[in-house]
PDB file of N, CA and C in Angstrom:
ATOM      1  N   MET A   1     -32.228 -98.129 -13.854  1.00  0.00           N
ATOM      2  CA  MET A   1     -32.764 -97.860 -12.357  1.00  0.00           C
ATOM      3  C   MET A   1     -33.959 -96.653 -13.128  1.00  0.00           C
ATOM      4  N   LYS A   2     -34.894 -97.194 -12.186  1.00  0.00           N
ATOM      5  CA  LYS A   2     -35.815 -96.558 -12.414  1.00  0.00           C
ATOM      6  C   LYS A   2     -37.038 -95.904 -11.173  1.00  0.00           C
ATOM      7  N   GLU A   3     -36.743 -94.495 -11.021  1.00  0.00           N
ATOM      8  CA  GLU A   3     -37.405 -94.432 -10.039  1.00  0.00           C
ATOM      9  C   GLU A   3     -39.142 -93.724  -9.997  1.00  0.00           C
ATOM     10  N   ILE A   4     -39.980 -94.697  -8.827  1.00  0.00           N
ATOM     11  CA  ILE A   4     -41.110 -94.565  -8.954  1.00  0.00           C
ATOM     12  C   ILE A   4     -41.677 -93.309  -7.791  1.00  0.00           C
ATOM     13  N   THR A   5     -42.806 -92.548  -8.082  1.00  0.00           N
ATOM     14  CA  THR A   5     -42.893 -91.935  -7.149  1.00  0.00           C
ATOM     15  C   THR A   5     -44.925 -91.927  -6.732  1.00  0.00           C
ATOM     16  N   LEU A   6     -45.164 -92.807  -5.827  1.00  0.00           N
ATOM     17  CA  LEU A   6     -46.600 -92.945  -5.479  1.00  0.00           C
ATOM     18  C   LEU A   6     -47.050 -91.523  -4.644  1.00  0.00           C
ATOM     19  N   LEU A   7     -48.780 -91.533  -5.413  1.00  0.00           N
ATOM     20  CA  LEU A   7     -49.202 -90.192  -4.496  1.00  0.00           C
ATOM     21  C   LEU A   7     -49.324 -91.219  -2.791  1.00  0.00           C
ATOM     22  N   ALA A   8     -49.426 -90.004  -1.663  1.00  0.00           N
ATOM     23  CA  ALA A   8     -49.666 -90.899  -0.578  1.00  0.00           C
ATOM     24  C   ALA A   8     -51.295 -90.691  -0.701  1.00  0.00           C
ATOM     25  N   SER A   9     -52.207 -90.162  -1.447  1.00  0.00           N
ATOM     26  CA  SER A   9     -53.276 -91.021  -1.438  1.00  0.00           C
ATOM     27  C   SER A   9     -54.336 -92.163  -1.948  1.00  0.00           C
ATOM     28  N   VAL A  10     -52.781 -92.258  -2.705  1.00  0.00           N
ATOM     29  CA  VAL A  10     -53.351 -93.999  -3.406  1.00  0.00           C
ATOM     30  C   VAL A  10     -52.741 -94.675  -2.315  1.00  0.00           C
ATOM     31  N   CYS A  11     -51.450 -94.361  -1.677  1.00  0.00           N
ATOM     32  CA  CYS A  11     -50.875 -95.672  -1.204  1.00  0.00           C
ATOM     33  C   CYS A  11     -50.887 -95.703   0.218  1.00  0.00           C
ATOM     34  N   GLY A  12     -51.677 -94.602   0.349  1.00  0.00           N
ATOM     35  CA  GLY A  12     -51.928 -94.305   2.022  1.00  0.00           C
ATOM     36  C   GLY A  12     -50.420 -93.621   2.872  1.00  0.00           C
ATOM     37  N   GLY A  13     -49.279 -93.190   1.670  1.00  0.00           N
ATOM     38  CA  GLY A  13     -48.162 -92.617   2.385  1.00  0.00           C
ATOM     39  C   GLY A  13     -47.221 -93.519   3.297  1.00  0.00           C
ATOM     40  N   SER A  14     -47.618 -94.448   2.991  1.00  0.00           N
ATOM     41  CA  SER A  14     -47.528 -95.715   4.021  1.00  0.00           C
ATOM     42  C   SER A  14     -45.633 -96.396   3.873  1.00  0.00           C
ATOM     43  N   VAL A  15     -44.456 -96.343   4.074  1.00  0.00           N
ATOM     44  CA  VAL A  15     -43.503 -97.438   3.930  1.00  0.00           C
ATOM     45  C   VAL A  15     -43.927 -98.648   3.906  1.00  0.00           C
ATOM     46  N   LYS A  16     -44.653 -99.284   4.590  1.00  0.00           N
ATOM     47  CA  LYS A  16     -45.084-100.853   4.527  1.00  0.00           C
ATOM     48  C   LYS A  16     -45.393-100.592   3.369  1.00  0.00           C
ATOM     49  N   THR A  17     -46.529-100.331   3.277  1.00  0.00           N
ATOM     50  CA  THR A  17     -47.265-100.331   2.073  1.00  0.00           C
ATOM     51  C   THR A  17     -46.511 -99.983   0.632  1.00  0.00           C
ATOM     52  N   ASN A  18     -45.486 -98.999   0.726  1.00  0.00           N
ATOM     53  CA  ASN A  18     -45.123 -98.293  -0.651  1.00  0.00           C
ATOM     54  C   ASN A  18     -44.273 -99.918  -0.776  1.00  0.00           C
ATOM     55  N   ALA A  19     -43.393-100.491   0.506  1.00  0.00           N
ATOM     56  CA  ALA A  19     -42.430-101.566   0.406  1.00  0.00           C
ATOM     57  C   ALA A  19     -43.282-102.924  -0.001  1.00  0.00           C
ATOM     58  N   ALA A  20     -44.047-103.075  -0.126  1.00  0.00           N
ATOM     59  CA  ALA A  20     -45.351-104.225  -0.706  1.00  0.00           C
ATOM     60  C   ALA A  20     -45.089-103.868  -1.891  1.00  0.00           C
ATOM     61  N   ILE A  21     -45.444-102.849  -1.997  1.00  0.00           N
ATOM     62  CA  ILE A  21     -45.823-102.081  -4.024  1.00  0.00           C
ATOM     63  C   ILE A  21     -44.164-102.743  -4.434  1.00  0.00           C
ATOM     64  N   ALA A  22     -43.890-102.504  -4.120  1.00  0.00           N
ATOM     65  CA  ALA A  22     -42.346-102.026  -5.024  1.00  0.00           C
ATOM     66  C   ALA A  22     -41.528-103.357  -5.005  1.00  0.00           C
ATOM     67  N   MET A  23     -42.109-104.522  -3.956  1.00  0.00           N
ATOM     68  CA  MET A  23     -41.925-105.887  -4.169  1.00  0.00           C
ATOM     69  C   MET A  23     -42.225-106.168  -5.173  1.00  0.00           C
ATOM     70  N   GLU A  24     -43.565-105.919  -5.650  1.00  0.00           N
ATOM     71  CA  GLU A  24     -44.174-106.732  -6.948  1.00  0.00           C
ATOM     72  C   GLU A  24     -44.058-106.130  -7.537  1.00  0.00           C
ATOM     73  N   ILE A  25     -44.149-104.633  -7.765  1.00  0.00           N
ATOM     74  CA  ILE A  25     -42.707-104.392  -8.915  1.00  0.00           C
ATOM     75  C   ILE A  25     -41.844-103.854  -9.946  1.00  0.00           C
ATOM     76  N   CYS A  26     -40.699-104.106  -8.714  1.00  0.00           N
ATOM     77  CA  CYS A  26     -39.320-104.169  -9.145  1.00  0.00           C
ATOM     78  C   CYS A  26     -39.292-105.475  -9.020  1.00  0.00           C
ATOM     79  N   LYS A  27     -38.867-105.779 -10.546  1.00  0.00           N
ATOM     80  CA  LYS A  27     -38.287-107.038 -10.899  1.00  0.00           C
ATOM     81  C   LYS A  27     -36.471-107.504 -10.558  1.00  0.00           C
ATOM     82  N   ASP A  28     -35.777-106.449 -10.205  1.00  0.00           N
ATOM     83  CA  ASP A  28     -34.776-107.092 -10.081  1.00  0.00           C
ATOM     84  C   ASP A  28     -34.280-106.300  -8.684  1.00  0.00           C
ATOM     85  N   GLY A  29     -35.201-106.000  -8.155  1.00  0.00           N
ATOM     86  CA  GLY A  29     -35.061-105.606  -6.500  1.00  0.00           C
ATOM     87  C   GLY A  29     -35.332-104.034  -6.501  1.00  0.00           C
ATOM     88  N   VAL A  30     -35.214-103.909  -4.982  1.00  0.00           N
ATOM     89  CA  VAL A  30     -35.774-102.587  -4.600  1.00  0.00           C
ATOM     90  C   VAL A  30     -34.993-101.289  -3.754  1.00  0.00           C
ATOM     91  N   LYS A  31     -33.946-100.537  -4.089  1.00  0.00           N
ATOM     92  CA  LYS A  31     -33.112 -99.766  -3.808  1.00  0.00           C
ATOM     93  C   LYS A  31     -33.565 -99.630  -2.824  1.00  0.00           C
ATOM     94  N   SER A  32     -34.817 -98.556  -2.452  1.00  0.00           N
ATOM     95  CA  SER A  32     -35.009 -97.591  -1.183  1.00  0.00           C
ATOM     96  C   SER A  32     -36.683 -97.495  -1.482  1.00  0.00           C
ATOM     97  N   VAL A  33     -37.000 -97.321  -0.412  1.00  0.00           N
ATOM     98  CA  VAL A  33     -38.871 -97.395   0.026  1.00  0.00           C
ATOM     99  C   VAL A  33     -38.753 -95.692   0.967  1.00  0.00           C
ATOM    100  N   SER A  34     -39.889 -95.092   0.930  1.00  0.00           N
ATOM    101  CA  SER A  34     -39.952 -93.884   1.508  1.00  0.00           C
ATOM    102  C   SER A  34     -41.679 -93.986   1.675  1.00  0.00           C
ATOM    103  N   ASN A  35     -41.651 -92.860   2.141  1.00  0.00           N
ATOM    104  CA  ASN A  35     -43.335 -92.234   2.504  1.00  0.00           C
ATOM    105  C   ASN A  35     -43.945 -91.743   1.228  1.00  0.00           C
ATOM    106  N   ASP A  36     -42.851 -91.474   0.293  1.00  0.00           N
ATOM    107  CA  ASP A  36     -43.200 -91.054  -0.937  1.00  0.00           C
ATOM    108  C   ASP A  36     -43.707 -91.970  -2.131  1.00  0.00           C
ATOM    109  N   GLY A  37     -42.534 -92.726  -2.243  1.00  0.00           N
ATOM    110  CA  GLY A  37     -42.927 -94.255  -2.907  1.00  0.00           C
ATOM    111  C   GLY A  37     -41.748 -94.666  -2.995  1.00  0.00           C
ATOM    112  N   PHE A  38     -41.189 -95.061  -4.104  1.00  0.00           N
ATOM    113  CA  PHE A  38     -39.521 -96.134  -3.888  1.00  0.00           C
ATOM    114  C   PHE A  38     -39.173 -96.216  -5.151  1.00  0.00           C
ATOM    115  N   VAL A  39     -37.644 -96.758  -5.099  1.00  0.00           N
ATOM    116  CA  VAL A  39     -36.647 -96.877  -5.718  1.00  0.00           C
ATOM    117  C   VAL A  39     -36.664 -98.207  -6.575  1.00  0.00           C
ATOM    118  N   CYS A  40     -36.857 -98.639  -8.090  1.00  0.00           N
ATOM    119  CA  CYS A  40     -36.283 -99.878  -8.153  1.00  0.00           C
ATOM    120  C   CYS A  40     -35.103 -99.549  -8.390  1.00  0.00           C
ATOM    121  N   LYS A  41     -33.981-100.776  -8.348  1.00  0.00           N
ATOM    122  CA  LYS A  41     -32.615-101.067  -8.736  1.00  0.00           C
ATOM    123  C   LYS A  41     -32.050-100.748  -9.982  1.00  0.00           C
TER     124      LYS A  41
END
């Protein structure tokens, strides 16, 4: 599992935005998404 935290200023601090980014980056799926970033499975 690899945890990735994004800066709010970069991603807009939006769960919706983070989810979209997570789906592109996380090859094995997304474990969780929050305003602070996301966690890959």
